[in-house]
């Protein structure tokens, strides 16, 4: 199977898996992340096919969308084997998608340029206007409040706390989103993150101005 056929088959597979997700991890999130990754990969002269495949598949393995992380990883590997992707590419794709998640912060840096690119692309889609919309969609899907003054954000969370702790949508800005700008890997990612970061800061300022209005 040629690379363009592999991409096309992968797009159909991912669409079937995620098109009706309502937590902010739907097909259009994948589509946006893939386009961002391809643009950064072209700028950085990276392996565009590897970036595109990892971007397309990155949420199929996500533990948020599976019974377990292991189940998600196996699902991706089985799919790649079923369409006869080279073992070298399978290894590289799996390495990216199993190490790129935020998981409360403090994760080791990505090992490859392609991993850095896909991680930047995913994080950029968690920022700005779309990032705000996705935050509230995800919080709603988890029955979390928009905001509660007595539920404070936590500076550092281990992966278990990050996934399981009861929090609020607004806390997510402090626990993750405002940290992303300084975690970007590539020059293009850093540049794109600036305006998205500022948009979120302005939004939160407006939110609290309205909240506190007597």
N, C-alpha and C. Protein backbone atom coordinates (compact mmCIF):
# COMPACT_ATOMS: atom_id res chain seq x y z
N UNK A 1 0.85 -1.19 0.00
CA UNK A 1 0.00 0.00 0.00
C UNK A 1 0.89 1.25 0.00
N UNK A 2 0.60 2.18 -0.90
CA UNK A 2 1.37 3.42 -0.99
C UNK A 2 1.02 4.34 0.19
N UNK A 3 1.93 5.31 0.45
CA UNK A 3 1.74 6.19 1.60
C UNK A 3 0.43 6.96 1.54
N UNK A 4 0.06 7.44 0.35
CA UNK A 4 -1.20 8.19 0.26
C UNK A 4 -2.41 7.29 0.51
N UNK A 5 -2.31 6.02 0.15
CA UNK A 5 -3.38 5.06 0.42
C UNK A 5 -3.46 4.74 1.92
N UNK A 6 -2.30 4.64 2.56
CA UNK A 6 -2.25 4.41 4.01
C UNK A 6 -2.90 5.58 4.74
N UNK A 7 -2.58 6.79 4.32
CA UNK A 7 -3.17 7.98 4.94
C UNK A 7 -4.68 7.96 4.78
N UNK A 8 -5.16 7.70 3.56
CA UNK A 8 -6.59 7.68 3.29
C UNK A 8 -7.31 6.63 4.12
N UNK A 9 -6.74 5.44 4.20
CA UNK A 9 -7.33 4.35 5.00
C UNK A 9 -7.34 4.72 6.48
N UNK A 10 -6.28 5.36 6.93
CA UNK A 10 -6.19 5.77 8.34
C UNK A 10 -7.22 6.85 8.66
N UNK A 11 -7.40 7.79 7.76
CA UNK A 11 -8.42 8.84 7.96
C UNK A 11 -9.81 8.22 8.14
N UNK A 12 -10.13 7.24 7.30
CA UNK A 12 -11.45 6.58 7.38
C UNK A 12 -11.59 5.84 8.71
N UNK A 13 -10.53 5.16 9.13
CA UNK A 13 -10.54 4.42 10.39
C UNK A 13 -10.76 5.36 11.57
N UNK A 14 -10.03 6.46 11.60
CA UNK A 14 -10.13 7.41 12.71
C UNK A 14 -11.50 8.09 12.70
N UNK A 15 -11.99 8.44 11.53
CA UNK A 15 -13.32 9.05 11.44
C UNK A 15 -14.39 8.12 12.02
N UNK A 16 -14.32 6.85 11.67
CA UNK A 16 -15.29 5.87 12.18
C UNK A 16 -15.24 5.78 13.70
N UNK A 17 -14.03 5.90 14.26
CA UNK A 17 -13.85 5.77 15.71
C UNK A 17 -14.31 7.00 16.48
N UNK A 18 -14.11 8.20 15.91
CA UNK A 18 -14.23 9.42 16.71
C UNK A 18 -15.24 10.44 16.20
N UNK A 19 -15.93 10.19 15.11
CA UNK A 19 -16.74 11.26 14.51
C UNK A 19 -17.88 11.73 15.40
N UNK A 20 -18.37 10.87 16.30
CA UNK A 20 -19.49 11.30 17.16
C UNK A 20 -19.06 11.58 18.60
N UNK A 21 -17.76 11.73 18.85
CA UNK A 21 -17.29 12.06 20.19
C UNK A 21 -17.70 13.50 20.54
N UNK A 22 -18.21 13.68 21.76
CA UNK A 22 -18.69 15.01 22.18
C UNK A 22 -17.84 15.61 23.30
N UNK A 23 -16.63 15.06 23.50
CA UNK A 23 -15.78 15.54 24.59
C UNK A 23 -14.67 16.48 24.10
N UNK A 24 -14.72 16.84 22.81
CA UNK A 24 -13.66 17.69 22.26
C UNK A 24 -12.55 16.90 21.59
N UNK A 25 -12.73 15.57 21.50
CA UNK A 25 -11.73 14.70 20.87
C UNK A 25 -12.31 14.04 19.62
N UNK A 26 -13.12 14.79 18.90
CA UNK A 26 -13.81 14.29 17.73
C UNK A 26 -12.92 14.33 16.48
N UNK A 27 -13.48 13.92 15.35
CA UNK A 27 -12.73 13.89 14.09
C UNK A 27 -12.17 15.27 13.73
N UNK A 28 -12.91 16.33 14.00
CA UNK A 28 -12.44 17.66 13.59
C UNK A 28 -11.25 18.13 14.42
N UNK A 29 -11.17 17.69 15.67
CA UNK A 29 -9.94 17.92 16.44
C UNK A 29 -8.77 17.23 15.75
N UNK A 30 -8.95 15.99 15.37
CA UNK A 30 -7.90 15.23 14.67
C UNK A 30 -7.51 15.94 13.38
N UNK A 31 -8.51 16.38 12.64
CA UNK A 31 -8.28 17.06 11.36
C UNK A 31 -7.44 18.32 11.55
N UNK A 32 -7.78 19.11 12.55
CA UNK A 32 -7.03 20.35 12.81
C UNK A 32 -5.60 20.05 13.25
N UNK A 33 -5.44 19.11 14.17
CA UNK A 33 -4.10 18.76 14.66
C UNK A 33 -3.23 18.23 13.52
N UNK A 34 -3.82 17.43 12.66
CA UNK A 34 -3.07 16.87 11.52
C UNK A 34 -2.60 17.98 10.59
N UNK A 35 -3.47 18.93 10.30
CA UNK A 35 -3.09 20.04 9.42
C UNK A 35 -1.99 20.90 10.04
N UNK A 36 -2.11 21.18 11.33
CA UNK A 36 -1.06 21.95 12.01
C UNK A 36 0.26 21.18 11.96
N UNK A 37 0.21 19.89 12.24
CA UNK A 37 1.43 19.07 12.25
C UNK A 37 2.09 19.05 10.88
N UNK A 38 1.30 18.93 9.83
CA UNK A 38 1.85 18.92 8.47
C UNK A 38 2.52 20.25 8.14
N UNK A 39 1.90 21.35 8.56
CA UNK A 39 2.48 22.68 8.29
C UNK A 39 3.79 22.87 9.04
N UNK A 40 3.83 22.46 10.30
CA UNK A 40 5.08 22.60 11.07
C UNK A 40 6.14 21.65 10.51
N UNK A 41 5.74 20.44 10.13
CA UNK A 41 6.69 19.45 9.58
C UNK A 41 7.34 19.97 8.31
N UNK A 42 6.56 20.62 7.46
CA UNK A 42 7.12 21.18 6.22
C UNK A 42 8.12 22.28 6.53
N UNK A 43 7.80 23.10 7.52
CA UNK A 43 8.69 24.20 7.93
C UNK A 43 9.99 23.66 8.53
N UNK A 44 9.86 22.58 9.32
CA UNK A 44 11.01 22.01 10.03
C UNK A 44 11.75 20.95 9.22
N UNK A 45 11.24 20.67 7.99
CA UNK A 45 11.84 19.64 7.13
C UNK A 45 11.87 18.26 7.83
N UNK A 46 10.76 17.95 8.48
CA UNK A 46 10.63 16.67 9.17
C UNK A 46 9.94 15.66 8.25
N UNK A 47 9.76 14.44 8.75
CA UNK A 47 9.08 13.37 8.02
C UNK A 47 7.58 13.63 8.09
N UNK A 48 7.02 14.17 7.01
CA UNK A 48 5.62 14.58 7.01
C UNK A 48 4.70 13.37 7.15
N UNK A 49 5.02 12.25 6.51
CA UNK A 49 4.19 11.05 6.61
C UNK A 49 4.10 10.57 8.06
N UNK A 50 5.22 10.54 8.75
CA UNK A 50 5.24 10.11 10.15
C UNK A 50 4.42 11.07 11.01
N UNK A 51 4.59 12.37 10.80
CA UNK A 51 3.82 13.36 11.57
C UNK A 51 2.33 13.22 11.31
N UNK A 52 1.97 13.03 10.04
CA UNK A 52 0.56 12.92 9.69
C UNK A 52 -0.07 11.68 10.31
N UNK A 53 0.62 10.55 10.23
CA UNK A 53 0.09 9.31 10.80
C UNK A 53 -0.05 9.39 12.31
N UNK A 54 0.96 9.93 12.97
CA UNK A 54 0.90 10.04 14.44
C UNK A 54 -0.20 11.01 14.86
N UNK A 55 -0.36 12.11 14.12
CA UNK A 55 -1.40 13.08 14.43
C UNK A 55 -2.79 12.46 14.24
N UNK A 56 -2.96 11.72 13.17
CA UNK A 56 -4.25 11.08 12.90
C UNK A 56 -4.63 10.08 14.00
N UNK A 57 -3.65 9.35 14.50
CA UNK A 57 -3.93 8.24 15.42
C UNK A 57 -3.76 8.59 16.90
N UNK A 58 -3.35 9.82 17.21
CA UNK A 58 -2.92 10.09 18.59
C UNK A 58 -4.02 9.92 19.63
N UNK A 59 -5.27 10.17 19.27
CA UNK A 59 -6.34 10.02 20.27
C UNK A 59 -6.99 8.64 20.25
N UNK A 60 -6.72 7.84 19.26
CA UNK A 60 -7.26 6.47 19.24
C UNK A 60 -6.72 5.70 20.44
N UNK A 61 -5.47 6.00 20.82
CA UNK A 61 -4.84 5.29 21.94
C UNK A 61 -5.05 5.98 23.28
N UNK A 62 -5.68 7.15 23.28
CA UNK A 62 -5.79 7.93 24.52
C UNK A 62 -6.62 7.19 25.56
N UNK A 63 -6.10 7.12 26.78
CA UNK A 63 -6.80 6.40 27.85
C UNK A 63 -8.14 7.05 28.19
N UNK A 64 -8.31 8.34 27.88
CA UNK A 64 -9.59 9.00 28.13
C UNK A 64 -10.70 8.39 27.30
N UNK A 65 -10.35 7.81 26.16
CA UNK A 65 -11.34 7.32 25.21
C UNK A 65 -11.37 5.80 25.11
N UNK A 66 -10.69 5.11 26.03
CA UNK A 66 -10.64 3.66 26.03
C UNK A 66 -10.86 3.13 27.44
N UNK A 67 -11.13 1.85 27.54
CA UNK A 67 -11.26 1.22 28.84
C UNK A 67 -9.95 1.33 29.61
N UNK A 68 -8.84 1.19 28.89
CA UNK A 68 -7.52 1.33 29.49
C UNK A 68 -6.55 1.84 28.43
N UNK A 69 -5.42 2.36 28.89
CA UNK A 69 -4.39 2.82 27.96
C UNK A 69 -3.87 1.65 27.11
N UNK A 70 -3.72 0.50 27.73
CA UNK A 70 -3.23 -0.68 27.01
C UNK A 70 -4.16 -1.07 25.87
N UNK A 71 -5.47 -1.00 26.12
CA UNK A 71 -6.43 -1.33 25.08
C UNK A 71 -6.29 -0.38 23.89
N UNK A 72 -6.14 0.91 24.17
CA UNK A 72 -5.98 1.90 23.11
C UNK A 72 -4.72 1.68 22.30
N UNK A 73 -3.63 1.39 22.98
CA UNK A 73 -2.36 1.14 22.30
C UNK A 73 -2.46 -0.08 21.38
N UNK A 74 -3.07 -1.13 21.89
CA UNK A 74 -3.24 -2.35 21.10
C UNK A 74 -4.12 -2.10 19.88
N UNK A 75 -5.13 -1.24 20.04
CA UNK A 75 -6.03 -0.92 18.94
C UNK A 75 -5.27 -0.26 17.79
N UNK A 76 -4.37 0.66 18.13
CA UNK A 76 -3.58 1.36 17.11
C UNK A 76 -2.61 0.39 16.45
N UNK A 77 -1.89 -0.39 17.24
CA UNK A 77 -0.91 -1.33 16.68
C UNK A 77 -1.59 -2.35 15.76
N UNK A 78 -2.72 -2.89 16.20
CA UNK A 78 -3.44 -3.88 15.38
C UNK A 78 -3.89 -3.27 14.06
N UNK A 79 -4.34 -2.01 14.11
CA UNK A 79 -4.75 -1.34 12.87
C UNK A 79 -3.57 -1.17 11.92
N UNK A 80 -2.45 -0.70 12.43
CA UNK A 80 -1.27 -0.48 11.59
C UNK A 80 -0.77 -1.78 10.97
N UNK A 81 -0.80 -2.84 11.75
CA UNK A 81 -0.40 -4.16 11.22
C UNK A 81 -1.37 -4.63 10.15
N UNK A 82 -2.65 -4.33 10.33
CA UNK A 82 -3.67 -4.81 9.39
C UNK A 82 -3.55 -4.16 8.01
N UNK A 83 -2.93 -2.96 7.95
CA UNK A 83 -2.76 -2.30 6.65
C UNK A 83 -1.29 -2.35 6.20
N UNK A 84 -0.52 -3.23 6.86
CA UNK A 84 0.86 -3.53 6.44
C UNK A 84 1.79 -2.33 6.44
N UNK A 85 1.68 -1.50 7.46
CA UNK A 85 2.65 -0.41 7.64
C UNK A 85 3.97 -1.03 8.08
N UNK A 86 5.09 -0.48 7.56
CA UNK A 86 6.41 -1.01 7.91
C UNK A 86 6.61 -0.99 9.42
N UNK A 87 7.25 -2.01 9.95
CA UNK A 87 7.47 -2.13 11.40
C UNK A 87 8.25 -0.93 11.93
N UNK A 88 9.17 -0.40 11.15
CA UNK A 88 9.95 0.77 11.59
C UNK A 88 9.03 1.97 11.81
N UNK A 89 8.08 2.16 10.90
CA UNK A 89 7.13 3.26 11.06
C UNK A 89 6.17 3.00 12.22
N UNK A 90 5.73 1.76 12.36
CA UNK A 90 4.85 1.42 13.48
C UNK A 90 5.52 1.77 14.80
N UNK A 91 6.78 1.40 14.93
CA UNK A 91 7.53 1.68 16.16
C UNK A 91 7.62 3.17 16.43
N UNK A 92 7.88 3.96 15.38
CA UNK A 92 8.01 5.41 15.54
C UNK A 92 6.67 6.06 15.87
N UNK A 93 5.60 5.61 15.21
CA UNK A 93 4.27 6.15 15.48
C UNK A 93 3.86 5.85 16.92
N UNK A 94 4.07 4.59 17.34
CA UNK A 94 3.68 4.20 18.69
C UNK A 94 4.47 4.97 19.74
N UNK A 95 5.75 5.21 19.47
CA UNK A 95 6.58 5.96 20.42
C UNK A 95 6.04 7.37 20.61
N UNK A 96 5.61 8.00 19.51
CA UNK A 96 5.08 9.37 19.60
C UNK A 96 3.77 9.40 20.38
N UNK A 97 2.83 8.56 19.99
CA UNK A 97 1.49 8.68 20.58
C UNK A 97 1.43 8.18 22.03
N UNK A 98 2.40 7.39 22.45
CA UNK A 98 2.38 6.92 23.85
C UNK A 98 3.17 7.82 24.79
N UNK A 99 3.83 8.85 24.27
CA UNK A 99 4.64 9.71 25.13
C UNK A 99 4.28 11.20 25.04
N UNK A 100 3.32 11.56 24.18
CA UNK A 100 3.07 12.98 23.91
C UNK A 100 2.05 13.62 24.85
N UNK A 101 1.30 12.83 25.61
CA UNK A 101 0.21 13.37 26.43
C UNK A 101 0.73 14.22 27.59
N UNK A 102 -0.08 15.22 27.98
CA UNK A 102 0.30 16.14 29.06
C UNK A 102 0.31 15.43 30.41
N UNK A 103 -0.78 14.73 30.73
CA UNK A 103 -0.90 13.93 31.96
C UNK A 103 -0.48 14.68 33.23
N UNK A 104 -0.89 15.92 33.32
CA UNK A 104 -0.59 16.68 34.53
C UNK A 104 0.72 17.44 34.48
N UNK A 105 1.47 17.30 33.39
CA UNK A 105 2.76 17.98 33.26
C UNK A 105 3.89 17.15 33.83
N UNK A 106 5.11 17.61 33.60
CA UNK A 106 6.27 16.92 34.15
C UNK A 106 6.70 15.69 33.39
N UNK A 107 6.13 15.49 32.18
CA UNK A 107 6.51 14.34 31.37
C UNK A 107 7.88 14.59 30.72
N UNK A 108 8.63 13.52 30.41
CA UNK A 108 9.92 13.70 29.73
C UNK A 108 9.73 14.35 28.37
N UNK A 109 10.74 15.07 27.86
CA UNK A 109 10.61 15.70 26.54
C UNK A 109 10.53 14.65 25.44
N UNK A 110 9.92 15.01 24.34
CA UNK A 110 9.82 14.12 23.19
C UNK A 110 11.21 13.83 22.64
N UNK A 111 11.40 12.63 22.13
CA UNK A 111 12.73 12.19 21.72
C UNK A 111 13.08 12.56 20.28
N UNK A 112 12.06 12.77 19.46
CA UNK A 112 12.30 13.04 18.04
C UNK A 112 11.67 14.35 17.60
N UNK A 113 12.16 14.89 16.49
CA UNK A 113 11.59 16.12 15.93
C UNK A 113 10.12 15.91 15.59
N UNK A 114 9.81 14.75 15.00
CA UNK A 114 8.42 14.46 14.62
C UNK A 114 7.52 14.40 15.86
N UNK A 115 8.02 13.82 16.94
CA UNK A 115 7.27 13.78 18.19
C UNK A 115 7.02 15.17 18.73
N UNK A 116 8.03 16.02 18.67
CA UNK A 116 7.89 17.41 19.12
C UNK A 116 6.83 18.15 18.31
N UNK A 117 6.81 17.88 17.01
CA UNK A 117 5.87 18.56 16.11
C UNK A 117 4.43 18.14 16.42
N UNK A 118 4.19 16.84 16.54
CA UNK A 118 2.83 16.36 16.79
C UNK A 118 2.35 16.81 18.18
N UNK A 119 3.25 16.81 19.14
CA UNK A 119 2.89 17.30 20.48
C UNK A 119 2.52 18.78 20.42
N UNK A 120 3.31 19.58 19.71
CA UNK A 120 2.99 21.01 19.56
C UNK A 120 1.62 21.19 18.90
N UNK A 121 1.37 20.44 17.84
CA UNK A 121 0.10 20.57 17.11
C UNK A 121 -1.09 20.25 18.01
N UNK A 122 -0.98 19.19 18.79
CA UNK A 122 -2.05 18.80 19.70
C UNK A 122 -2.26 19.86 20.77
N UNK A 123 -1.18 20.39 21.29
CA UNK A 123 -1.28 21.41 22.34
C UNK A 123 -1.83 22.72 21.80
N UNK A 124 -1.51 23.06 20.57
CA UNK A 124 -2.05 24.28 19.98
C UNK A 124 -3.57 24.20 19.85
N UNK A 125 -4.10 23.01 19.58
CA UNK A 125 -5.54 22.87 19.46
C UNK A 125 -6.23 22.87 20.82
N UNK A 126 -5.44 22.83 21.89
CA UNK A 126 -5.99 22.97 23.25
C UNK A 126 -5.97 24.42 23.71
N UNK A 127 -5.50 25.32 22.84
CA UNK A 127 -5.35 26.72 23.20
C UNK A 127 -6.29 27.59 22.36
N UNK A 128 -6.35 28.88 22.71
CA UNK A 128 -7.13 29.83 21.93
C UNK A 128 -8.62 29.61 22.01
N UNK A 129 -9.35 30.13 21.03
CA UNK A 129 -10.81 30.05 21.03
C UNK A 129 -11.29 28.61 20.98
N UNK A 130 -10.65 27.80 20.13
CA UNK A 130 -11.05 26.40 20.03
C UNK A 130 -10.71 25.67 21.32
N UNK A 131 -9.59 25.98 21.92
CA UNK A 131 -9.22 25.35 23.18
C UNK A 131 -10.23 25.65 24.29
N UNK A 132 -10.73 26.87 24.31
CA UNK A 132 -11.76 27.24 25.30
C UNK A 132 -13.01 26.41 25.07
N UNK A 133 -13.45 26.32 23.81
CA UNK A 133 -14.66 25.55 23.49
C UNK A 133 -14.47 24.08 23.87
N UNK A 134 -13.30 23.53 23.57
CA UNK A 134 -13.03 22.13 23.89
C UNK A 134 -12.99 21.89 25.40
N UNK A 135 -12.49 22.85 26.14
CA UNK A 135 -12.43 22.72 27.60
C UNK A 135 -13.83 22.56 28.19
N UNK A 136 -14.76 23.39 27.75
CA UNK A 136 -16.11 23.31 28.28
C UNK A 136 -16.84 22.07 27.78
N UNK A 137 -16.56 21.65 26.54
CA UNK A 137 -17.16 20.42 26.03
C UNK A 137 -16.70 19.22 26.85
N UNK A 138 -15.39 19.17 27.13
CA UNK A 138 -14.85 18.04 27.90
C UNK A 138 -15.37 18.06 29.33
N UNK A 139 -15.38 19.23 29.95
CA UNK A 139 -15.87 19.32 31.33
C UNK A 139 -17.33 18.90 31.42
N UNK A 140 -18.13 19.32 30.45
CA UNK A 140 -19.53 18.91 30.43
C UNK A 140 -19.68 17.41 30.29
N UNK A 141 -18.83 16.81 29.46
CA UNK A 141 -18.91 15.36 29.27
C UNK A 141 -18.53 14.60 30.53
N UNK A 142 -17.79 15.25 31.43
CA UNK A 142 -17.38 14.63 32.70
C UNK A 142 -18.20 15.14 33.89
N UNK A 143 -19.30 15.83 33.60
CA UNK A 143 -20.19 16.35 34.65
C UNK A 143 -19.46 17.28 35.63
N UNK A 144 -18.53 18.05 35.13
CA UNK A 144 -17.82 19.00 35.97
C UNK A 144 -18.47 20.38 35.88
N UNK A 145 -18.42 21.12 36.98
CA UNK A 145 -18.94 22.48 37.01
C UNK A 145 -18.10 23.40 36.13
N UNK A 146 -18.72 24.51 35.68
CA UNK A 146 -17.95 25.54 34.98
C UNK A 146 -16.91 26.13 35.93
N UNK A 147 -17.38 26.51 37.12
CA UNK A 147 -16.47 27.12 38.10
C UNK A 147 -17.12 27.03 39.47
N UNK A 148 -16.28 26.89 40.49
CA UNK A 148 -16.74 26.97 41.87
C UNK A 148 -15.62 27.60 42.69
N UNK A 149 -15.90 28.70 43.38
CA UNK A 149 -14.84 29.41 44.13
C UNK A 149 -14.13 28.54 45.17
N UNK A 150 -14.80 27.52 45.68
CA UNK A 150 -14.20 26.69 46.73
C UNK A 150 -13.36 25.53 46.19
N UNK A 151 -13.42 25.30 44.90
CA UNK A 151 -12.61 24.23 44.29
C UNK A 151 -11.41 24.90 43.61
N UNK A 152 -10.27 24.82 44.26
CA UNK A 152 -9.09 25.55 43.80
C UNK A 152 -8.26 24.71 42.83
N UNK A 153 -7.60 25.37 41.87
CA UNK A 153 -6.68 24.62 40.99
C UNK A 153 -5.48 24.12 41.78
N UNK A 154 -4.91 23.02 41.33
CA UNK A 154 -3.74 22.42 41.97
C UNK A 154 -2.55 22.62 41.04
N UNK A 155 -1.43 23.10 41.60
CA UNK A 155 -0.27 23.44 40.78
C UNK A 155 0.33 22.22 40.10
N UNK A 156 0.51 21.15 40.87
CA UNK A 156 1.11 19.94 40.29
C UNK A 156 0.22 18.74 40.55
N UNK A 157 -0.04 17.99 39.50
CA UNK A 157 -0.88 16.80 39.59
C UNK A 157 -0.15 15.61 38.99
N UNK A 158 -0.21 14.45 39.65
CA UNK A 158 0.34 13.26 39.00
C UNK A 158 -0.70 12.77 38.00
N UNK A 159 -0.32 11.86 37.07
CA UNK A 159 -1.25 11.42 36.02
C UNK A 159 -2.59 10.90 36.56
N UNK A 160 -2.56 10.20 37.68
CA UNK A 160 -3.79 9.65 38.25
C UNK A 160 -4.70 10.77 38.73
N UNK A 161 -4.14 11.75 39.43
CA UNK A 161 -4.93 12.90 39.90
C UNK A 161 -5.48 13.70 38.72
N UNK A 162 -4.63 13.87 37.71
CA UNK A 162 -5.01 14.67 36.54
C UNK A 162 -6.26 14.10 35.86
N UNK A 163 -6.34 12.78 35.79
CA UNK A 163 -7.48 12.13 35.13
C UNK A 163 -8.70 11.99 36.04
N UNK A 164 -8.48 11.71 37.32
CA UNK A 164 -9.58 11.29 38.19
C UNK A 164 -10.10 12.39 39.12
N UNK A 165 -9.28 13.40 39.41
CA UNK A 165 -9.68 14.40 40.40
C UNK A 165 -10.87 15.22 39.92
N UNK A 166 -11.83 15.46 40.81
CA UNK A 166 -12.98 16.31 40.49
C UNK A 166 -12.52 17.76 40.47
N UNK A 167 -12.71 18.43 39.37
CA UNK A 167 -12.24 19.81 39.24
C UNK A 167 -13.31 20.62 38.54
N UNK A 168 -12.92 21.73 37.93
CA UNK A 168 -13.86 22.57 37.16
C UNK A 168 -13.22 22.95 35.83
N UNK A 169 -14.06 23.43 34.93
CA UNK A 169 -13.55 23.85 33.62
C UNK A 169 -12.54 24.99 33.77
N UNK A 170 -12.84 25.95 34.62
CA UNK A 170 -11.94 27.09 34.78
C UNK A 170 -10.60 26.65 35.38
N UNK A 171 -10.62 25.70 36.29
CA UNK A 171 -9.36 25.21 36.87
C UNK A 171 -8.43 24.65 35.80
N UNK A 172 -9.02 24.09 34.74
CA UNK A 172 -8.22 23.47 33.67
C UNK A 172 -7.28 24.49 33.01
N UNK A 173 -7.71 25.75 32.98
CA UNK A 173 -6.85 26.78 32.40
C UNK A 173 -5.56 26.91 33.22
N UNK A 174 -5.69 26.85 34.53
CA UNK A 174 -4.54 27.02 35.42
C UNK A 174 -3.72 25.74 35.56
N UNK A 175 -4.39 24.61 35.50
CA UNK A 175 -3.70 23.33 35.69
C UNK A 175 -3.01 22.85 34.42
N UNK A 176 -3.46 23.33 33.25
CA UNK A 176 -2.84 22.89 32.00
C UNK A 176 -2.67 24.00 30.97
N UNK A 177 -3.76 24.64 30.56
CA UNK A 177 -3.74 25.46 29.34
C UNK A 177 -2.77 26.63 29.39
N UNK A 178 -2.70 27.31 30.54
CA UNK A 178 -1.78 28.45 30.65
C UNK A 178 -0.31 28.01 30.67
N UNK A 179 -0.06 26.74 30.88
CA UNK A 179 1.32 26.23 30.91
C UNK A 179 1.84 25.87 29.52
N UNK A 180 0.95 25.70 28.56
CA UNK A 180 1.34 25.14 27.27
C UNK A 180 2.27 26.03 26.46
N UNK A 181 2.07 27.34 26.54
CA UNK A 181 2.91 28.27 25.76
C UNK A 181 4.39 28.03 26.01
N UNK A 182 4.75 27.83 27.26
CA UNK A 182 6.16 27.67 27.62
C UNK A 182 6.66 26.24 27.42
N UNK A 183 5.78 25.35 26.97
CA UNK A 183 6.17 23.96 26.74
C UNK A 183 6.30 23.62 25.26
N UNK A 184 6.11 24.61 24.40
CA UNK A 184 6.20 24.36 22.96
C UNK A 184 7.64 23.97 22.58
N UNK A 185 7.75 23.08 21.61
CA UNK A 185 9.05 22.55 21.19
C UNK A 185 9.66 23.27 20.01
N UNK A 186 8.84 23.61 19.01
CA UNK A 186 9.34 24.16 17.75
C UNK A 186 9.15 25.67 17.70
N UNK A 187 9.94 26.31 16.86
CA UNK A 187 9.83 27.77 16.73
C UNK A 187 8.46 28.17 16.21
N UNK A 188 7.96 27.43 15.23
CA UNK A 188 6.63 27.74 14.69
C UNK A 188 5.55 27.52 15.74
N UNK A 189 5.69 26.45 16.53
CA UNK A 189 4.75 26.18 17.60
C UNK A 189 4.74 27.29 18.63
N UNK A 190 5.92 27.76 19.01
CA UNK A 190 6.04 28.85 19.98
C UNK A 190 5.37 30.12 19.47
N UNK A 191 5.58 30.40 18.19
CA UNK A 191 5.02 31.61 17.60
C UNK A 191 3.49 31.54 17.55
N UNK A 192 2.96 30.39 17.14
CA UNK A 192 1.51 30.21 17.05
C UNK A 192 0.86 30.25 18.43
N UNK A 193 1.59 29.80 19.44
CA UNK A 193 1.03 29.72 20.79
C UNK A 193 0.82 31.10 21.42
N UNK A 194 1.60 32.08 21.02
CA UNK A 194 1.56 33.40 21.65
C UNK A 194 0.16 34.01 21.62
N UNK A 195 -0.43 34.11 20.44
CA UNK A 195 -1.73 34.77 20.31
C UNK A 195 -2.83 33.93 20.96
N UNK A 196 -2.71 32.60 20.87
CA UNK A 196 -3.72 31.73 21.48
C UNK A 196 -3.67 31.84 23.01
N UNK A 197 -2.48 31.92 23.54
CA UNK A 197 -2.31 32.08 24.98
C UNK A 197 -2.94 33.40 25.45
N UNK A 198 -2.67 34.47 24.73
CA UNK A 198 -3.20 35.78 25.11
C UNK A 198 -4.72 35.81 25.04
N UNK A 199 -5.28 35.13 24.03
CA UNK A 199 -6.74 35.08 23.90
C UNK A 199 -7.36 34.41 25.12
N UNK A 200 -6.73 33.34 25.61
CA UNK A 200 -7.25 32.64 26.80
C UNK A 200 -7.13 33.52 28.04
N UNK A 201 -6.02 34.24 28.17
CA UNK A 201 -5.84 35.13 29.32
C UNK A 201 -6.92 36.21 29.33
N UNK A 202 -7.17 36.78 28.14
CA UNK A 202 -8.20 37.82 28.04
C UNK A 202 -9.58 37.24 28.38
N UNK A 203 -9.84 36.03 27.93
CA UNK A 203 -11.12 35.39 28.20
C UNK A 203 -11.33 35.19 29.71
N UNK A 204 -10.32 34.67 30.38
CA UNK A 204 -10.43 34.41 31.82
C UNK A 204 -10.61 35.72 32.59
N UNK A 205 -9.91 36.75 32.17
CA UNK A 205 -10.08 38.06 32.82
C UNK A 205 -11.52 38.53 32.69
N UNK A 206 -12.08 38.39 31.48
CA UNK A 206 -13.47 38.79 31.24
C UNK A 206 -14.43 37.92 32.06
N UNK A 207 -14.14 36.62 32.11
CA UNK A 207 -14.99 35.68 32.87
C UNK A 207 -15.10 36.13 34.32
N UNK A 208 -13.97 36.44 34.95
CA UNK A 208 -14.01 36.80 36.37
C UNK A 208 -14.57 38.20 36.59
N UNK A 209 -14.41 39.07 35.61
CA UNK A 209 -15.05 40.39 35.73
C UNK A 209 -16.57 40.24 35.77
N UNK A 210 -17.08 39.34 34.94
CA UNK A 210 -18.53 39.11 34.91
C UNK A 210 -18.99 38.34 36.15
N UNK A 211 -18.18 37.37 36.58
CA UNK A 211 -18.54 36.54 37.74
C UNK A 211 -18.66 37.38 39.00
N UNK A 212 -17.75 38.32 39.18
CA UNK A 212 -17.66 39.08 40.41
C UNK A 212 -18.55 40.34 40.42
N UNK A 213 -19.24 40.57 39.33
CA UNK A 213 -20.09 41.76 39.25
C UNK A 213 -21.25 41.62 40.24
N UNK A 214 -21.31 42.55 41.16
CA UNK A 214 -22.38 42.51 42.17
C UNK A 214 -23.71 42.99 41.59
